[in-house]
């Protein structure tokens, strides 16, 4: 039986590499993006769908980058287009740290809890049931490079994000991985991961998925 996994995230799920300067953004090779690393480690018994979008938030219509960045709004269509889903890996929260949204770690975690309810009520799992869910807390951000001003104050706000998301996962009986325990953001832009970090994270999440399905 093939299990289908949806990886729902932002630019780091899309595979955006560390940006050295404005206008120099790029996407890592397919083999170097964590969803594909995870898929390779899991093997043929799993179908892994990477659904990452740069700038995606948990629940905000972005006044600068556009309302289509709102992860809560777009999620129902994505769930329905890929159903039935055995597992949804949610890895969001970094973009919600931007000062334009005025969100602290606790609020971001509560927004993710609302997303959990949406997924559970979606009827997009096997036999029109609920998909299982694994929450991944992003690593702490750094205010360096060309994105420093956009993420002003985010380094401090990100300090408690892993703990806050862990609480939500435990309260809802979900799988949980804190990426900060395994990788760090690139010092080039303080937000994105280099290929080495993607390979580490992909391997960690493959093991988490295997444990999850036991």
Protein backbone atom coordinates (compact mmCIF):
# COMPACT_ATOMS: atom_id res chain seq x y z
CA UNK A 1 0.00 0.00 0.00
CA UNK A 2 1.37 3.38 -1.04
CA UNK A 3 1.01 6.17 1.51
CA UNK A 4 0.58 9.73 0.25
CA UNK A 5 2.24 12.60 2.12
CA UNK A 6 1.63 16.30 1.50
CA UNK A 7 4.45 18.64 2.58
CA UNK A 8 2.81 22.03 3.14
CA UNK A 9 5.20 24.89 3.68
CA UNK A 10 6.87 28.07 2.52
CA UNK A 11 10.00 28.89 0.52
CA UNK A 12 12.05 26.35 2.46
CA UNK A 13 9.69 23.61 1.30
CA UNK A 14 9.77 25.06 -2.21
CA UNK A 15 13.56 24.80 -2.06
CA UNK A 16 14.61 28.44 -2.26
CA UNK A 17 18.31 28.73 -1.53
CA UNK A 18 20.04 31.37 0.61
CA UNK A 19 19.73 34.74 -1.16
CA UNK A 20 22.97 36.76 -1.26
CA UNK A 21 21.36 39.93 -2.66
CA UNK A 22 18.08 41.18 -4.11
CA UNK A 23 17.51 39.78 -7.57
CA UNK A 24 19.76 36.79 -6.94
CA UNK A 25 17.22 34.30 -5.65
CA UNK A 26 17.41 30.72 -6.87
CA UNK A 27 15.93 27.28 -6.30
CA UNK A 28 18.02 24.35 -5.16
CA UNK A 29 18.26 21.30 -7.40
CA UNK A 30 15.42 18.81 -6.97
CA UNK A 31 17.65 16.27 -5.27
CA UNK A 32 18.69 18.86 -2.68
CA UNK A 33 15.20 19.89 -1.47
CA UNK A 34 14.15 18.28 1.81
CA UNK A 35 10.81 16.80 0.55
CA UNK A 36 12.69 14.98 -2.21
CA UNK A 37 15.44 13.89 0.16
CA UNK A 38 12.74 12.51 2.45
CA UNK A 39 11.00 10.79 -0.46
CA UNK A 40 14.22 9.08 -1.54
CA UNK A 41 14.83 7.82 1.98
CA UNK A 42 11.26 6.53 2.34
CA UNK A 43 11.25 4.65 -0.94
CA UNK A 44 8.58 3.46 -3.33
CA UNK A 45 5.95 2.80 -0.66
CA UNK A 46 5.43 6.54 -0.24
CA UNK A 47 4.27 9.29 -2.59
CA UNK A 48 5.57 12.67 -1.41
CA UNK A 49 3.96 15.86 -2.69
CA UNK A 50 5.93 19.06 -2.13
CA UNK A 51 3.63 22.07 -1.82
CA UNK A 52 5.86 25.00 -0.89
CA UNK A 53 5.29 28.67 -1.73
CA UNK A 54 7.68 31.52 -1.00
CA UNK A 55 6.22 33.98 1.51
CA UNK A 56 3.42 31.63 2.59
CA UNK A 57 2.00 32.47 6.02
CA UNK A 58 -0.18 30.43 8.32
CA UNK A 59 -3.14 32.78 8.18
CA UNK A 60 -2.35 36.22 6.74
CA UNK A 61 -3.30 38.02 3.55
CA UNK A 62 0.07 39.64 2.92
CA UNK A 63 -0.41 43.38 2.18
CA UNK A 64 2.95 43.50 0.41
CA UNK A 65 3.30 40.15 -1.38
CA UNK A 66 -0.36 39.41 -1.99
CA UNK A 67 -3.33 37.61 -0.37
CA UNK A 68 -2.48 34.36 -2.17
CA UNK A 69 0.28 33.88 0.42
CA UNK A 70 -2.38 33.04 3.03
CA UNK A 71 -1.82 29.36 3.81
CA UNK A 72 -5.14 28.96 5.59
CA UNK A 73 -7.18 30.25 2.66
CA UNK A 74 -5.52 28.20 -0.07
CA UNK A 75 -5.19 24.97 1.92
CA UNK A 76 -8.69 23.49 1.32
CA UNK A 77 -8.17 23.51 -2.45
CA UNK A 78 -4.74 21.93 -2.10
CA UNK A 79 -6.05 19.20 0.21
CA UNK A 80 -8.90 18.39 -2.14
CA UNK A 81 -6.68 18.32 -5.22
CA UNK A 82 -4.36 15.71 -3.70
CA UNK A 83 -6.82 13.57 -1.72
CA UNK A 84 -6.74 10.98 -0.30
CA UNK A 85 -3.84 12.01 1.93
CA UNK A 86 -2.44 9.75 4.62
CA UNK A 87 -0.27 12.44 6.21
CA UNK A 88 0.08 16.21 6.01
CA UNK A 89 3.41 17.65 7.15
CA UNK A 90 2.90 21.31 8.06
CA UNK A 91 6.05 23.41 8.21
CA UNK A 92 5.04 27.05 8.49
CA UNK A 93 5.51 30.03 10.80
CA UNK A 94 8.66 31.77 9.61
CA UNK A 95 6.91 34.38 7.46
CA UNK A 96 4.39 35.11 10.20
CA UNK A 97 7.32 36.47 12.23
CA UNK A 98 7.59 39.49 9.92
CA UNK A 99 6.82 42.75 11.74
CA UNK A 100 4.09 43.58 9.21
CA UNK A 101 1.93 40.89 10.89
CA UNK A 102 2.66 41.79 14.54
CA UNK A 103 2.51 38.15 15.68
CA UNK A 104 4.32 36.54 18.60
CA UNK A 105 5.23 32.86 18.89
CA UNK A 106 2.12 32.01 20.90
CA UNK A 107 -0.20 33.57 18.32
CA UNK A 108 1.54 31.78 15.45
CA UNK A 109 1.18 28.46 17.26
CA UNK A 110 -2.51 29.10 17.91
CA UNK A 111 -2.97 29.87 14.21
CA UNK A 112 -1.36 26.54 13.39
CA UNK A 113 -3.80 24.88 15.77
CA UNK A 114 -6.64 26.36 13.72
CA UNK A 115 -5.00 24.93 10.61
CA UNK A 116 -4.88 21.54 12.32
CA UNK A 117 -8.65 21.71 12.86
CA UNK A 118 -9.14 22.63 9.20
CA UNK A 119 -7.13 19.61 8.06
CA UNK A 120 -8.96 17.27 10.42
CA UNK A 121 -12.34 18.50 9.19
CA UNK A 122 -11.38 18.35 5.52
CA UNK A 123 -12.46 14.75 4.81
CA UNK A 124 -9.36 14.52 2.61
CA UNK A 125 -7.86 11.45 4.25
CA UNK A 126 -8.41 7.80 3.33
CA UNK A 127 -12.10 6.85 3.07
CA UNK A 128 -13.04 10.54 3.44
CA UNK A 129 -11.60 10.59 6.94
CA UNK A 130 -9.05 12.94 8.44
CA UNK A 131 -5.43 12.94 7.27
CA UNK A 132 -2.85 12.44 9.97
CA UNK A 133 -0.67 15.47 10.77
CA UNK A 134 2.97 16.08 11.58
CA UNK A 135 3.95 19.59 12.70
CA UNK A 136 7.48 20.83 12.02
CA UNK A 137 8.70 23.92 13.84
CA UNK A 138 11.10 26.00 11.72
CA UNK A 139 14.59 26.85 12.97
CA UNK A 140 15.23 30.21 14.59
CA UNK A 141 15.81 33.05 12.15
CA UNK A 142 18.72 35.47 12.00
CA UNK A 143 18.50 39.12 10.97
CA UNK A 144 21.29 39.21 8.40
CA UNK A 145 21.73 39.82 4.69
CA UNK A 146 19.19 41.28 2.26
CA UNK A 147 16.14 40.06 4.23
CA UNK A 148 17.18 41.58 7.57
CA UNK A 149 14.91 44.63 7.36
CA UNK A 150 11.88 42.61 6.25
CA UNK A 151 12.35 40.32 9.26
CA UNK A 152 13.30 43.07 11.73
CA UNK A 153 12.69 41.84 15.29
CA UNK A 154 11.96 38.31 14.11
CA UNK A 155 15.06 36.75 15.65
CA UNK A 156 13.76 37.48 19.14
CA UNK A 157 10.20 36.44 18.28
CA UNK A 158 11.41 33.14 16.83
CA UNK A 159 13.09 32.07 20.07
CA UNK A 160 9.92 30.61 21.55
CA UNK A 161 8.31 29.32 18.38
CA UNK A 162 9.51 25.73 18.65
CA UNK A 163 8.24 25.35 22.20
CA UNK A 164 4.90 26.95 21.33
CA UNK A 165 4.34 24.64 18.35
CA UNK A 166 5.38 21.63 20.42
CA UNK A 167 2.65 22.48 22.94
CA UNK A 168 0.07 22.57 20.14
CA UNK A 169 1.29 19.23 18.79
CA UNK A 170 1.11 17.58 22.20
CA UNK A 171 -2.30 19.06 22.98
CA UNK A 172 -3.69 17.65 19.74
CA UNK A 173 -1.90 14.31 19.75
CA UNK A 174 0.19 15.11 16.68
CA UNK A 175 3.64 14.12 15.53
CA UNK A 176 6.23 16.86 16.04
CA UNK A 177 9.75 17.69 14.92
CA UNK A 178 11.65 20.83 15.92
CA UNK A 179 13.90 21.57 12.95
CA UNK A 180 16.00 23.81 15.19
CA UNK A 181 17.27 20.67 16.94
CA UNK A 182 18.88 19.54 13.69
CA UNK A 183 19.62 22.45 11.34
CA UNK A 184 20.21 26.19 11.28
CA UNK A 185 19.34 28.88 8.76
CA UNK A 186 22.07 30.03 6.42
CA UNK A 187 24.15 33.02 7.60
CA UNK A 188 23.80 34.37 4.06
CA UNK A 189 20.21 35.57 4.52
CA UNK A 190 19.13 34.24 7.93
CA UNK A 191 15.96 32.58 6.58
CA UNK A 192 16.72 29.91 4.00
CA UNK A 193 18.66 26.64 4.25
CA UNK A 194 21.62 25.46 2.24
CA UNK A 195 21.67 22.07 0.53
CA UNK A 196 23.44 20.39 3.44
CA UNK A 197 20.70 21.49 5.84
CA UNK A 198 18.01 20.25 3.43
CA UNK A 199 19.65 16.82 3.33
CA UNK A 200 19.84 16.66 7.12
CA UNK A 201 16.22 17.75 7.54
CA UNK A 202 14.98 15.36 4.86
CA UNK A 203 16.68 12.43 6.60
CA UNK A 204 15.30 13.46 10.00
CA UNK A 205 11.76 13.75 8.67
CA UNK A 206 11.98 10.43 6.84
CA UNK A 207 12.74 8.77 10.17
CA UNK A 208 9.90 10.70 11.81
CA UNK A 209 7.48 9.46 9.14
CA UNK A 210 8.66 5.88 9.57
CA UNK A 211 8.16 6.13 13.33
CA UNK A 212 4.76 7.70 12.79
CA UNK A 213 3.48 4.81 10.70
CA UNK A 214 5.37 2.31 12.83
